[in-house]
N, C-alpha and C. Protein backbone atom coordinates (compact mmCIF):
# COMPACT_ATOMS: atom_id res chain seq x y z
N UNK A 1 107.26 -35.04 -53.86
CA UNK A 1 108.37 -35.24 -53.05
C UNK A 1 109.77 -34.59 -53.31
N UNK A 2 110.15 -33.98 -52.16
CA UNK A 2 111.71 -33.76 -51.51
C UNK A 2 112.12 -34.13 -50.57
N UNK A 3 113.12 -34.44 -50.39
CA UNK A 3 114.21 -34.57 -48.68
C UNK A 3 112.97 -33.84 -48.49
N UNK A 4 113.18 -31.99 -48.51
CA UNK A 4 112.93 -31.07 -47.36
C UNK A 4 111.26 -31.34 -46.62
N UNK A 5 110.38 -32.01 -47.43
CA UNK A 5 108.84 -32.22 -47.24
C UNK A 5 108.69 -33.97 -46.90
N UNK A 6 109.98 -35.04 -47.18
CA UNK A 6 109.59 -35.80 -46.53
C UNK A 6 108.85 -36.56 -45.26
N UNK A 7 109.32 -36.25 -44.02
CA UNK A 7 108.21 -36.21 -43.15
C UNK A 7 106.74 -35.74 -43.46
N UNK A 8 106.12 -34.80 -43.44
CA UNK A 8 105.53 -34.70 -44.04
C UNK A 8 104.52 -35.74 -44.68
N UNK A 9 104.81 -35.78 -45.77
CA UNK A 9 104.38 -37.37 -46.47
C UNK A 9 104.04 -38.17 -46.16
N UNK A 10 105.99 -38.81 -44.89
CA UNK A 10 105.66 -40.17 -43.79
C UNK A 10 104.28 -39.74 -42.88
N UNK A 11 104.47 -39.25 -42.26
CA UNK A 11 103.26 -38.98 -41.20
C UNK A 11 101.90 -38.86 -41.76
N UNK A 12 101.58 -38.60 -43.32
CA UNK A 12 100.72 -38.49 -43.33
C UNK A 12 99.95 -39.81 -43.56
N UNK A 13 100.88 -41.12 -44.42
CA UNK A 13 100.92 -42.73 -44.73
C UNK A 13 100.85 -42.68 -43.23
N UNK A 14 102.00 -42.74 -42.39
CA UNK A 14 101.33 -43.43 -41.66
C UNK A 14 100.06 -43.80 -40.66
N UNK A 15 99.11 -42.17 -40.88
CA UNK A 15 97.46 -41.43 -40.18
C UNK A 15 96.89 -41.84 -40.61
N UNK A 16 97.01 -42.98 -42.12
CA UNK A 16 96.21 -42.38 -43.06
C UNK A 16 95.48 -41.76 -43.75
N UNK A 17 95.66 -40.82 -43.92
CA UNK A 17 95.48 -40.00 -44.93
C UNK A 17 95.86 -39.48 -46.20
N UNK A 18 94.32 -39.08 -46.92
CA UNK A 18 94.76 -39.47 -48.68
C UNK A 18 95.01 -38.45 -48.65
N UNK A 19 96.45 -38.58 -49.75
CA UNK A 19 96.98 -38.40 -50.56
C UNK A 19 97.23 -37.36 -51.95
N UNK A 20 98.02 -36.77 -51.93
CA UNK A 20 97.19 -36.26 -54.08
C UNK A 20 98.47 -35.22 -54.47
N UNK A 21 99.24 -35.42 -55.42
CA UNK A 21 99.89 -33.75 -55.96
C UNK A 21 99.26 -34.39 -57.46
N UNK A 22 99.89 -32.80 -57.35
CA UNK A 22 99.24 -32.08 -58.59
C UNK A 22 100.33 -31.26 -59.53
N UNK A 23 100.61 -30.81 -60.80
CA UNK A 23 101.32 -29.95 -61.73
C UNK A 23 100.36 -28.99 -62.11
N UNK A 24 101.37 -27.74 -62.17
CA UNK A 24 101.03 -26.89 -63.23
C UNK A 24 102.16 -27.13 -63.58
N UNK A 25 102.07 -26.52 -65.22
CA UNK A 25 102.63 -26.17 -66.78
C UNK A 25 103.09 -25.15 -65.98
N UNK A 26 102.18 -24.16 -65.79
CA UNK A 26 102.52 -22.49 -65.58
C UNK A 26 104.05 -22.58 -64.62
N UNK A 27 103.60 -22.54 -63.34
CA UNK A 27 104.03 -23.29 -62.44
C UNK A 27 104.94 -23.59 -62.14
N UNK A 28 105.46 -24.69 -62.95
CA UNK A 28 106.90 -25.39 -62.79
C UNK A 28 108.06 -24.58 -63.93
N UNK A 29 106.98 -23.54 -65.59
CA UNK A 29 107.79 -22.73 -65.89
C UNK A 29 108.11 -21.84 -65.35
N UNK A 30 107.78 -21.18 -64.57
CA UNK A 30 107.75 -19.70 -63.30
C UNK A 30 108.44 -20.02 -62.49
N UNK A 31 109.29 -20.95 -61.60
CA UNK A 31 110.00 -21.97 -60.50
C UNK A 31 111.22 -22.32 -61.52
N UNK A 32 111.03 -22.24 -62.76
CA UNK A 32 112.32 -23.19 -63.59
C UNK A 32 112.62 -24.37 -63.77
N UNK A 33 111.38 -24.87 -63.29
CA UNK A 33 111.49 -26.03 -64.01
C UNK A 33 110.63 -26.74 -65.24
N UNK A 34 110.19 -28.13 -65.68
CA UNK A 34 109.90 -28.63 -67.26
C UNK A 34 108.94 -28.10 -67.93
N UNK A 35 108.82 -27.81 -68.79
CA UNK A 35 107.22 -28.00 -69.17
C UNK A 35 106.26 -29.21 -69.66
N UNK A 36 107.19 -30.55 -69.44
CA UNK A 36 106.43 -32.08 -69.54
C UNK A 36 107.60 -32.15 -68.77
N UNK A 37 106.03 -32.19 -67.22
CA UNK A 37 106.76 -33.40 -65.93
C UNK A 37 107.32 -34.83 -66.18
N UNK A 38 107.97 -35.30 -65.43
CA UNK A 38 108.26 -36.81 -65.25
C UNK A 38 108.11 -36.99 -63.78
N UNK A 39 106.96 -38.05 -63.18
CA UNK A 39 106.48 -38.71 -62.09
C UNK A 39 107.48 -39.92 -62.16
N UNK A 40 108.25 -39.65 -60.18
CA UNK A 40 108.57 -41.42 -59.88
C UNK A 40 107.75 -41.98 -59.17
N UNK A 41 106.94 -42.39 -59.26
CA UNK A 41 106.67 -43.03 -58.11
C UNK A 41 107.23 -44.81 -57.08
N UNK A 42 106.87 -44.56 -56.25
CA UNK A 42 107.45 -45.59 -54.94
C UNK A 42 106.58 -45.65 -54.02
N UNK A 43 106.65 -47.07 -54.27
CA UNK A 43 105.71 -47.56 -53.59
C UNK A 43 106.36 -47.87 -51.89
N UNK A 44 105.16 -47.54 -51.43
CA UNK A 44 106.26 -47.90 -49.61
C UNK A 44 105.51 -48.59 -48.99
N UNK A 45 106.34 -49.15 -47.74
CA UNK A 45 105.73 -50.56 -46.36
C UNK A 45 104.71 -49.43 -45.90
N UNK A 46 104.11 -50.29 -44.90
CA UNK A 46 103.26 -49.55 -44.08
C UNK A 46 103.80 -48.80 -42.48
N UNK A 47 105.40 -48.43 -42.45
CA UNK A 47 106.08 -47.67 -42.63
C UNK A 47 106.79 -46.45 -43.09
N UNK A 48 106.11 -46.03 -44.47
CA UNK A 48 106.20 -44.99 -44.72
C UNK A 48 107.18 -44.86 -44.87
N UNK A 49 108.00 -46.24 -45.66
CA UNK A 49 109.62 -46.96 -46.12
C UNK A 49 109.26 -46.89 -47.02
N UNK A 50 110.42 -46.38 -48.74
CA UNK A 50 110.05 -46.85 -50.07
C UNK A 50 111.15 -49.05 -50.02
N UNK A 51 110.33 -48.69 -50.68
CA UNK A 51 110.13 -50.44 -51.22
C UNK A 51 111.29 -50.53 -51.97
N UNK A 52 112.20 -50.36 -52.40
CA UNK A 52 113.04 -50.38 -53.66
C UNK A 52 113.17 -50.56 -54.61
N UNK A 53 112.51 -52.43 -55.28
CA UNK A 53 112.00 -52.51 -55.81
C UNK A 53 110.82 -52.34 -56.61
N UNK A 54 110.32 -51.56 -55.87
CA UNK A 54 108.79 -51.49 -56.99
C UNK A 54 108.63 -49.92 -56.86
N UNK A 55 108.91 -49.17 -58.68
CA UNK A 55 108.69 -47.97 -58.47
C UNK A 55 108.51 -47.80 -59.81
N UNK A 56 107.97 -47.48 -60.29
CA UNK A 56 107.27 -46.70 -61.84
C UNK A 56 107.60 -45.44 -62.10
N UNK A 57 108.68 -44.98 -63.48
CA UNK A 57 108.38 -43.05 -63.38
C UNK A 57 107.83 -43.19 -64.85
N UNK A 58 106.78 -41.89 -65.33
CA UNK A 58 105.77 -41.70 -66.49
C UNK A 58 106.63 -40.90 -66.26
N UNK A 59 106.49 -40.42 -67.48
CA UNK A 59 107.21 -39.78 -68.49
C UNK A 59 106.01 -38.61 -69.70
């Protein structure tokens, strides 16, 4: 998620839709991104607001 698409994520959480993420190494490299992803997971409350003390980074 980026700030540009935050509202789409918040709306999906509020409406109860399933949310999934994908990562493509070729697409990441094409866009100038890393060869190895780093994923930061943040927990959201029922109003789709991040809970500051609940997060994990997967590398």
